[in-house]
Amino acid sequence: MKITDLTKGQLRELKTRYLDELLQKEENRGISYGEMANIDEIIADDDEDFIAEYEIYTFVNDDFFTDDRNENFI
């Protein structure tokens, strides 16, 4: 599935990974619990940089820890 096929839970998990990697690279720190809790306010679903980072990938449900699975994909 492509980034547009991800469930809300999968998208939140991917945004958390994205912000954590960005903070590691730019500020040499990991994501905070507060940032994780507010990830949807920090990174919008249509954020161009976020989408550009992951639009080339094809995902499967097993790529995510969340129980919020896209049942249309194995």
C-alpha atoms as a PDB file:
ATOM      1  CA  MET A   1       0.000   0.000   0.000  1.00  0.00           C
ATOM      2  CA  LYS A   2       1.116   3.551  -0.649  1.00  0.00           C
ATOM      3  CA  ILE A   3       1.176   6.390   1.871  1.00  0.00           C
ATOM      4  CA  THR A   4      -2.339   7.403   0.764  1.00  0.00           C
ATOM      5  CA  ASP A   5      -3.636   3.920   1.715  1.00  0.00           C
ATOM      6  CA  LEU A   6      -2.411   4.018   5.317  1.00  0.00           C
ATOM      7  CA  THR A   7      -4.867   4.045   8.188  1.00  0.00           C
ATOM      8  CA  LYS A   8      -4.875   6.938  10.654  1.00  0.00           C
ATOM      9  CA  GLY A   9      -2.911   4.850  13.169  1.00  0.00           C
ATOM     10  CA  GLN A  10      -0.330   3.810  10.596  1.00  0.00           C
ATOM     11  CA  LEU A  11       0.018   7.390   9.412  1.00  0.00           C
ATOM     12  CA  ARG A  12       0.552   8.615  13.000  1.00  0.00           C
ATOM     13  CA  GLU A  13       3.228   5.953  13.518  1.00  0.00           C
ATOM     14  CA  LEU A  14       4.984   6.933  10.289  1.00  0.00           C
ATOM     15  CA  LYS A  15       4.863  10.641  11.201  1.00  0.00           C
ATOM     16  CA  THR A  16       6.394   9.781  14.587  1.00  0.00           C
ATOM     17  CA  ARG A  17       9.242   7.921  12.882  1.00  0.00           C
ATOM     18  CA  TYR A  18       9.718  10.802  10.449  1.00  0.00           C
ATOM     19  CA  LEU A  19       9.905  13.458  13.184  1.00  0.00           C
ATOM     20  CA  ASP A  20      12.237  11.310  15.304  1.00  0.00           C
ATOM     21  CA  GLU A  21      14.653  10.882  12.390  1.00  0.00           C
ATOM     22  CA  LEU A  22      14.419  14.592  11.561  1.00  0.00           C
ATOM     23  CA  LEU A  23      15.161  15.623  15.153  1.00  0.00           C
ATOM     24  CA  GLN A  24      18.080  13.169  15.358  1.00  0.00           C
ATOM     25  CA  LYS A  25      19.559  14.661  12.206  1.00  0.00           C
ATOM     26  CA  GLU A  26      18.903  18.352  12.877  1.00  0.00           C
ATOM     27  CA  GLU A  27      18.974  18.667  16.684  1.00  0.00           C
ATOM     28  CA  ASN A  28      20.815  15.512  17.788  1.00  0.00           C
ATOM     29  CA  ARG A  29      17.910  14.441  20.020  1.00  0.00           C
ATOM     30  CA  GLY A  30      15.024  12.032  19.958  1.00  0.00           C
ATOM     31  CA  ILE A  31      11.335  12.777  19.863  1.00  0.00           C
ATOM     32  CA  SER A  32       9.687  13.615  23.201  1.00  0.00           C
ATOM     33  CA  TYR A  33       6.537  12.007  24.583  1.00  0.00           C
ATOM     34  CA  GLY A  34       4.770  15.362  24.199  1.00  0.00           C
ATOM     35  CA  GLU A  35       5.737  15.519  20.539  1.00  0.00           C
ATOM     36  CA  MET A  36       4.514  11.963  20.028  1.00  0.00           C
ATOM     37  CA  ALA A  37       1.192  12.803  21.672  1.00  0.00           C
ATOM     38  CA  ASN A  38       0.761  15.882  19.479  1.00  0.00           C
ATOM     39  CA  ILE A  39       2.196  14.468  16.254  1.00  0.00           C
ATOM     40  CA  ASP A  40      -0.884  15.362  14.188  1.00  0.00           C
ATOM     41  CA  GLU A  41      -0.536  19.021  15.199  1.00  0.00           C
ATOM     42  CA  ILE A  42       3.199  19.029  14.445  1.00  0.00           C
ATOM     43  CA  ILE A  43       3.082  17.234  11.083  1.00  0.00           C
ATOM     44  CA  ALA A  44      -0.008  17.551   8.914  1.00  0.00           C
ATOM     45  CA  ASP A  45      -1.195  14.575   6.863  1.00  0.00           C
ATOM     46  CA  ASP A  46      -0.511  16.611   3.714  1.00  0.00           C
ATOM     47  CA  ASP A  47       2.919  17.962   4.749  1.00  0.00           C
ATOM     48  CA  GLU A  48       4.911  18.090   1.499  1.00  0.00           C
ATOM     49  CA  ASP A  49       8.270  17.096   3.022  1.00  0.00           C
ATOM     50  CA  PHE A  50       6.721  14.179   4.897  1.00  0.00           C
ATOM     51  CA  ILE A  51       4.916  12.899   1.799  1.00  0.00           C
ATOM     52  CA  ALA A  52       7.998  13.332  -0.394  1.00  0.00           C
ATOM     53  CA  GLU A  53      10.039  11.263   2.082  1.00  0.00           C
ATOM     54  CA  TYR A  54       7.704   8.255   1.964  1.00  0.00           C
ATOM     55  CA  GLU A  55       5.766   8.373  -1.321  1.00  0.00           C
ATOM     56  CA  ILE A  56       8.328   6.147  -3.027  1.00  0.00           C
ATOM     57  CA  TYR A  57       7.751   3.270  -0.583  1.00  0.00           C
ATOM     58  CA  THR A  58       5.251   0.451  -0.641  1.00  0.00           C
ATOM     59  CA  PHE A  59       4.106  -0.588   2.832  1.00  0.00           C
ATOM     60  CA  VAL A  60       2.501  -3.691   4.303  1.00  0.00           C
ATOM     61  CA  ASN A  61       0.546  -3.936   7.552  1.00  0.00           C
ATOM     62  CA  ASP A  62       3.473  -5.721   9.217  1.00  0.00           C
ATOM     63  CA  ASP A  63       5.594  -2.571   8.817  1.00  0.00           C
ATOM     64  CA  PHE A  64       3.616  -1.057  11.690  1.00  0.00           C
ATOM     65  CA  PHE A  65       3.127  -1.857  15.369  1.00  0.00           C
ATOM     66  CA  THR A  66      -0.362  -0.356  15.546  1.00  0.00           C
ATOM     67  CA  ASP A  67      -3.445  -2.558  15.646  1.00  0.00           C
ATOM     68  CA  ASP A  68      -5.080  -0.063  13.253  1.00  0.00           C
ATOM     69  CA  ARG A  69      -4.587  -2.170  10.132  1.00  0.00           C
ATOM     70  CA  ASN A  70      -5.763  -1.585   6.583  1.00  0.00           C
ATOM     71  CA  GLU A  71      -7.855  -4.700   5.946  1.00  0.00           C
ATOM     72  CA  ASN A  72      -7.777  -4.079   2.189  1.00  0.00           C
ATOM     73  CA  PHE A  73      -4.103  -5.079   2.168  1.00  0.00           C
ATOM     74  CA  ILE A  74      -2.390  -8.209   3.471  1.00  0.00           C
END
